[in-house]
Amino acid sequence: MTSTETSSLVLHGRRRASARLRDGVVLLEADGVRRRIPAAAIERVDVHGPKGRRLTVVLTGDAPVAYHLRCRSVPAVQEFAHAVRRALPVRDADEPRPDGAGLVTEEPLERAAPNRVRLLGWSLGGGYALVLVLLLVKGAGVVPGVLWAVAPGPIAAGGLGVYGGWQLLREAWVLRTRGITVEGRLQRSHWYNGVEQYTYAYVDSHGVRRERTGSDGGAERAEITYDPADPETTKVGRRTTGQLVFGAVLILLLGGPILLAGVAFVVVGVVALVI
């Protein structure tokens, strides 16, 4: 059976990646390549990652291939996954599967002009290198130059730590104050990047069936706590103390001090250049 399912959704990911569904074919553009993935070549579509922002298309075959696309919008990923699942052919459990990778066609994309974000990044990088050269020419000393050169490292690492800790704190606090706990049933599991992922199905308070995928869990039945205002914010179990503590540690003891150190390195370099 040939699917003619078409969706108006366009899923945008990082680095100009995108996905569309046209006449039962997923058009995936990423890394300079356009892939045409027919529904007959798709075994399943998974949604996982932080808050469910990553779409994974798993192909049929004895050694299945998977394609990934990460999007900022959780609802967009969910809706696109549902659209692709509707396009998949109905198969019996013992029905032989084709070699999905052999059904996928690829063609190179025309090289696009650099976007403004990339130009801004290169400009900031060039400006940062220019300041380093000025410090060396001025003879400001080894210490200011070294601190200025290494500052991006702790700023990036500290910023990621603070952001990650804040996300953990926010999610834990939301689930702690307004979360609803229901019973979920294990549907399937798969390995991703060496970590086993478990997908639980549950029905929310409005009678809507939802799924939650993550590395925690494993039991046939488990309690799932979700935020009724944002059902994609979920966790297995209902205890949030550990998550709150870990988030606070990331901010106060790891990310925060590292970020402040990076900022201090920048200040030292600027002061040495001005004086």
Protein backbone atom coordinates (compact mmCIF):
# COMPACT_ATOMS: atom_id res chain seq x y z
CA MET A 1 0.00 0.00 0.00
CA THR A 2 1.34 3.41 -0.97
CA SER A 3 0.71 6.27 1.42
CA THR A 4 -0.37 9.66 0.09
CA GLU A 5 -0.32 11.38 3.47
CA THR A 6 0.75 15.01 3.24
CA SER A 7 1.20 17.49 6.07
CA SER A 8 1.57 21.25 6.02
CA LEU A 9 3.95 21.06 8.98
CA VAL A 10 7.56 22.07 8.49
CA LEU A 11 9.90 20.96 11.27
CA HIS A 12 12.99 23.16 11.59
CA GLY A 13 16.08 22.01 13.46
CA ARG A 14 19.60 23.14 14.08
CA ARG A 15 22.01 24.19 11.34
CA ARG A 16 19.24 24.79 8.79
CA ALA A 17 17.94 21.23 9.07
CA SER A 18 14.26 20.66 8.23
CA ALA A 19 11.71 17.91 7.70
CA ARG A 20 8.49 17.79 5.66
CA LEU A 21 5.92 15.13 4.80
CA ARG A 22 4.84 15.06 1.15
CA ASP A 23 2.78 12.26 -0.44
CA GLY A 24 3.86 9.70 2.12
CA VAL A 25 7.54 10.65 1.85
CA VAL A 26 9.55 12.33 4.61
CA LEU A 27 11.84 14.96 3.10
CA LEU A 28 14.73 15.41 5.52
CA GLU A 29 17.27 18.12 4.77
CA ALA A 30 20.37 18.10 6.97
CA ASP A 31 24.13 18.37 6.62
CA GLY A 32 23.88 19.53 3.01
CA VAL A 33 21.85 16.48 1.90
CA ARG A 34 18.15 16.06 1.05
CA ARG A 35 16.91 12.57 1.90
CA ARG A 36 13.64 11.18 0.56
CA ILE A 37 12.39 8.59 3.05
CA PRO A 38 9.24 6.76 1.92
CA ALA A 39 6.79 5.60 4.56
CA ALA A 40 7.39 1.98 3.53
CA ALA A 41 11.01 2.35 4.68
CA ILE A 42 10.10 3.60 8.17
CA GLU A 43 9.72 1.15 11.04
CA ARG A 44 8.75 3.72 13.67
CA VAL A 45 9.06 7.36 14.69
CA ASP A 46 10.27 8.18 18.21
CA VAL A 47 10.19 11.41 20.18
CA HIS A 48 12.72 11.70 22.98
CA GLY A 49 15.53 13.83 24.33
CA PRO A 50 15.17 16.74 26.78
CA LYS A 51 11.43 17.49 26.99
CA GLY A 52 10.86 15.53 23.79
CA ARG A 53 12.55 17.92 21.37
CA ARG A 54 14.31 15.26 19.28
CA LEU A 55 12.61 13.41 16.43
CA THR A 56 14.06 10.04 15.43
CA VAL A 57 13.03 8.21 12.27
CA VAL A 58 14.03 4.53 12.49
CA LEU A 59 14.19 2.62 9.20
CA THR A 60 13.19 -0.98 8.64
CA GLY A 61 15.73 -3.75 8.16
CA ASP A 62 17.90 -6.16 10.11
CA ALA A 63 20.37 -3.37 10.90
CA PRO A 64 18.04 -0.37 11.18
CA VAL A 65 19.34 3.10 10.40
CA ALA A 66 18.04 6.12 12.31
CA TYR A 67 17.89 9.78 11.34
CA HIS A 68 17.56 12.51 13.96
CA LEU A 69 16.35 16.10 14.00
CA ARG A 70 16.29 18.32 17.08
CA CYS A 71 13.77 21.15 17.23
CA ARG A 72 13.19 23.89 19.81
CA SER A 73 9.40 23.52 19.68
CA VAL A 74 8.12 20.47 21.54
CA PRO A 75 4.56 20.70 20.11
CA ALA A 76 6.00 20.89 16.59
CA VAL A 77 7.97 17.67 17.12
CA GLN A 78 4.93 15.91 18.57
CA GLU A 79 2.61 16.98 15.78
CA PHE A 80 5.09 16.05 13.06
CA ALA A 81 5.66 12.64 14.64
CA HIS A 82 1.90 12.02 14.72
CA ALA A 83 1.60 13.01 11.06
CA VAL A 84 4.36 10.60 10.03
CA ARG A 85 2.88 7.78 12.13
CA ARG A 86 -0.45 8.22 10.35
CA ALA A 87 1.37 7.80 7.04
CA LEU A 88 3.03 4.52 8.00
CA PRO A 89 1.60 1.37 6.38
CA VAL A 90 -0.27 -1.09 8.57
CA ARG A 91 1.89 -4.20 8.96
CA ASP A 92 1.35 -7.56 10.59
CA ALA A 93 3.79 -8.56 13.30
CA ASP A 94 5.28 -11.34 11.14
CA GLU A 95 5.20 -9.38 7.89
CA PRO A 96 8.68 -9.14 6.33
CA ARG A 97 10.20 -5.68 6.34
CA PRO A 98 12.09 -4.22 3.39
CA ASP A 99 15.60 -2.87 3.67
CA GLY A 100 14.69 0.71 4.58
CA ALA A 101 18.12 2.14 3.84
CA GLY A 102 17.89 0.85 0.27
CA LEU A 103 14.65 2.78 -0.30
CA VAL A 104 16.10 6.12 0.80
CA THR A 105 17.40 8.41 -1.92
CA GLU A 106 19.81 11.28 -1.35
CA GLU A 107 20.75 14.37 -3.29
CA PRO A 108 23.12 17.21 -2.38
CA LEU A 109 21.64 20.58 -1.54
CA GLU A 110 22.81 23.81 -3.06
CA ARG A 111 25.14 25.62 -0.75
CA ALA A 112 23.25 28.41 0.94
CA ALA A 113 24.69 31.83 1.63
CA PRO A 114 25.95 32.37 5.19
CA ASN A 115 23.17 33.54 7.48
CA ARG A 116 23.37 36.54 9.76
CA VAL A 117 23.80 34.48 12.90
CA ARG A 118 26.87 32.80 11.47
CA LEU A 119 28.28 36.13 10.34
CA LEU A 120 27.70 37.55 13.82
CA GLY A 121 29.51 34.60 15.35
CA TRP A 122 32.49 35.06 13.08
CA SER A 123 32.52 38.79 13.83
CA LEU A 124 32.54 38.21 17.57
CA GLY A 125 35.28 35.61 17.20
CA GLY A 126 37.36 37.99 15.09
CA GLY A 127 36.86 40.82 17.55
CA TYR A 128 37.90 38.57 20.42
CA ALA A 129 41.05 37.53 18.59
CA LEU A 130 41.80 41.18 17.76
CA VAL A 131 41.69 42.14 21.43
CA LEU A 132 44.13 39.33 22.19
CA VAL A 133 46.51 40.64 19.53
CA LEU A 134 46.24 44.17 20.97
CA LEU A 135 47.06 42.84 24.44
CA LEU A 136 50.19 41.18 23.09
CA VAL A 137 51.24 44.23 21.05
CA LYS A 138 50.70 46.56 23.98
CA GLY A 139 52.75 44.33 26.23
CA ALA A 140 50.04 44.06 28.86
CA GLY A 141 51.67 40.97 30.28
CA VAL A 142 51.31 37.22 30.02
CA VAL A 143 48.60 36.82 32.67
CA PRO A 144 45.98 39.15 31.08
CA GLY A 145 46.60 37.63 27.67
CA VAL A 146 46.26 34.06 28.91
CA LEU A 147 43.14 34.88 30.93
CA TRP A 148 41.54 36.60 27.94
CA ALA A 149 42.41 33.67 25.67
CA VAL A 150 40.92 31.00 27.94
CA ALA A 151 37.87 33.03 29.07
CA PRO A 152 35.45 31.61 26.42
CA GLY A 153 35.93 28.11 27.82
CA PRO A 154 34.69 28.74 31.37
CA ILE A 155 32.02 31.16 30.14
CA ALA A 156 30.56 28.50 27.82
CA ALA A 157 30.90 25.67 30.35
CA GLY A 158 29.54 27.76 33.20
CA GLY A 159 26.67 29.09 31.10
CA LEU A 160 25.65 25.56 30.12
CA GLY A 161 25.84 24.46 33.75
CA VAL A 162 23.69 27.35 34.95
CA TYR A 163 21.17 26.80 32.17
CA GLY A 164 21.00 23.06 32.83
CA GLY A 165 20.63 23.60 36.57
CA TRP A 166 17.89 26.17 36.04
CA GLN A 167 16.00 23.78 33.76
CA LEU A 168 16.21 21.04 36.37
CA LEU A 169 15.06 23.38 39.14
CA ARG A 170 12.19 24.77 37.10
CA GLU A 171 10.91 21.36 36.02
CA ALA A 172 11.22 19.88 39.49
CA TRP A 173 9.44 22.84 41.10
CA VAL A 174 6.64 22.78 38.55
CA LEU A 175 6.08 19.05 39.01
CA ARG A 176 6.32 19.42 42.79
CA THR A 177 3.72 22.21 43.01
CA ARG A 178 1.20 21.35 40.29
CA GLY A 179 2.18 17.94 38.93
CA ILE A 180 -0.37 15.16 38.48
CA THR A 181 0.69 11.54 38.97
CA VAL A 182 -0.86 8.73 36.93
CA GLU A 183 0.07 5.13 36.24
CA GLY A 184 1.95 4.40 33.03
CA ARG A 185 2.53 1.14 31.19
CA LEU A 186 5.82 0.27 29.47
CA GLN A 187 5.30 0.14 25.70
CA ARG A 188 8.76 -0.45 24.31
CA SER A 189 12.43 0.23 24.84
CA HIS A 190 15.36 0.92 22.57
CA TRP A 191 19.02 1.86 22.79
CA TYR A 192 20.15 5.33 21.87
CA ASN A 193 23.76 6.51 22.16
CA GLY A 194 24.50 3.55 24.41
CA VAL A 195 21.66 4.37 26.84
CA GLU A 196 18.45 2.36 27.01
CA GLN A 197 15.34 4.49 26.52
CA TYR A 198 11.94 3.47 27.91
CA THR A 199 8.62 4.62 26.47
CA TYR A 200 5.63 4.67 28.80
CA ALA A 201 2.05 5.28 27.73
CA TYR A 202 -0.37 6.97 30.10
CA VAL A 203 -3.72 8.71 30.03
CA ASP A 204 -3.87 12.23 31.44
CA SER A 205 -6.69 13.72 33.50
CA HIS A 206 -8.51 14.78 30.30
CA GLY A 207 -8.53 11.25 28.90
CA VAL A 208 -5.82 11.94 26.32
CA ARG A 209 -3.33 9.14 25.72
CA ARG A 210 0.26 10.35 25.89
CA GLU A 211 3.72 8.86 25.80
CA ARG A 212 6.82 9.62 27.80
CA THR A 213 10.32 8.49 26.70
CA GLY A 214 13.44 8.70 28.83
CA SER A 215 16.30 6.73 30.34
CA ASP A 216 14.64 6.33 33.74
CA GLY A 217 12.22 3.51 34.38
CA GLY A 218 12.25 -0.08 33.16
CA ALA A 219 9.44 -1.62 35.20
CA GLU A 220 6.31 -2.88 33.46
CA ARG A 221 4.25 -0.29 35.34
CA ALA A 222 5.46 3.01 36.76
CA GLU A 223 4.04 6.23 38.12
CA ILE A 224 4.33 9.14 35.68
CA THR A 225 4.14 12.70 36.99
CA TYR A 226 3.31 15.38 34.44
CA ASP A 227 2.54 19.09 34.31
CA PRO A 228 -1.08 19.61 33.20
CA ALA A 229 -0.16 23.01 31.74
CA ASP A 230 2.70 21.47 29.73
CA PRO A 231 2.21 17.69 29.37
CA GLU A 232 5.67 17.31 27.83
CA THR A 233 7.21 18.09 31.24
CA THR A 234 7.20 14.65 32.86
CA LYS A 235 9.22 12.33 35.07
CA VAL A 236 9.03 8.77 36.22
CA GLY A 237 7.94 8.74 39.86
CA ARG A 238 6.83 11.67 41.95
CA ARG A 239 9.85 12.52 44.10
CA THR A 240 11.55 15.76 43.09
CA THR A 241 13.91 16.44 46.01
CA GLY A 242 16.92 14.87 44.29
CA GLN A 243 16.30 16.85 41.13
CA LEU A 244 15.99 20.09 43.09
CA VAL A 245 19.24 19.42 44.94
CA PHE A 246 21.10 18.47 41.77
CA GLY A 247 19.86 21.60 39.99
CA ALA A 248 20.98 23.80 42.88
CA VAL A 249 24.40 22.13 42.91
CA LEU A 250 24.81 22.74 39.18
CA ILE A 251 24.06 26.44 39.61
CA LEU A 252 25.69 27.29 42.95
CA LEU A 253 28.69 24.98 43.07
CA LEU A 254 29.54 24.21 39.44
CA GLY A 255 28.07 26.38 36.69
CA GLY A 256 27.84 29.65 38.63
CA PRO A 257 31.44 29.80 39.91
CA ILE A 258 32.84 28.71 36.54
CA LEU A 259 30.78 31.36 34.74
CA LEU A 260 31.87 34.06 37.17
CA ALA A 261 35.49 33.01 36.73
CA GLY A 262 35.17 33.38 32.95
CA VAL A 263 33.64 36.83 33.33
CA ALA A 264 36.44 37.82 35.72
CA PHE A 265 39.01 36.71 33.12
CA VAL A 266 37.37 38.99 30.55
CA VAL A 267 37.35 41.92 32.98
CA VAL A 268 41.06 41.45 33.67
CA GLY A 269 41.81 41.53 29.95
CA VAL A 270 39.70 44.63 29.35
CA VAL A 271 41.27 46.47 32.29
CA ALA A 272 44.76 45.57 31.10
CA LEU A 273 43.94 46.88 27.61
CA VAL A 274 42.44 50.17 28.81
CA ILE A 275 45.04 51.06 31.41
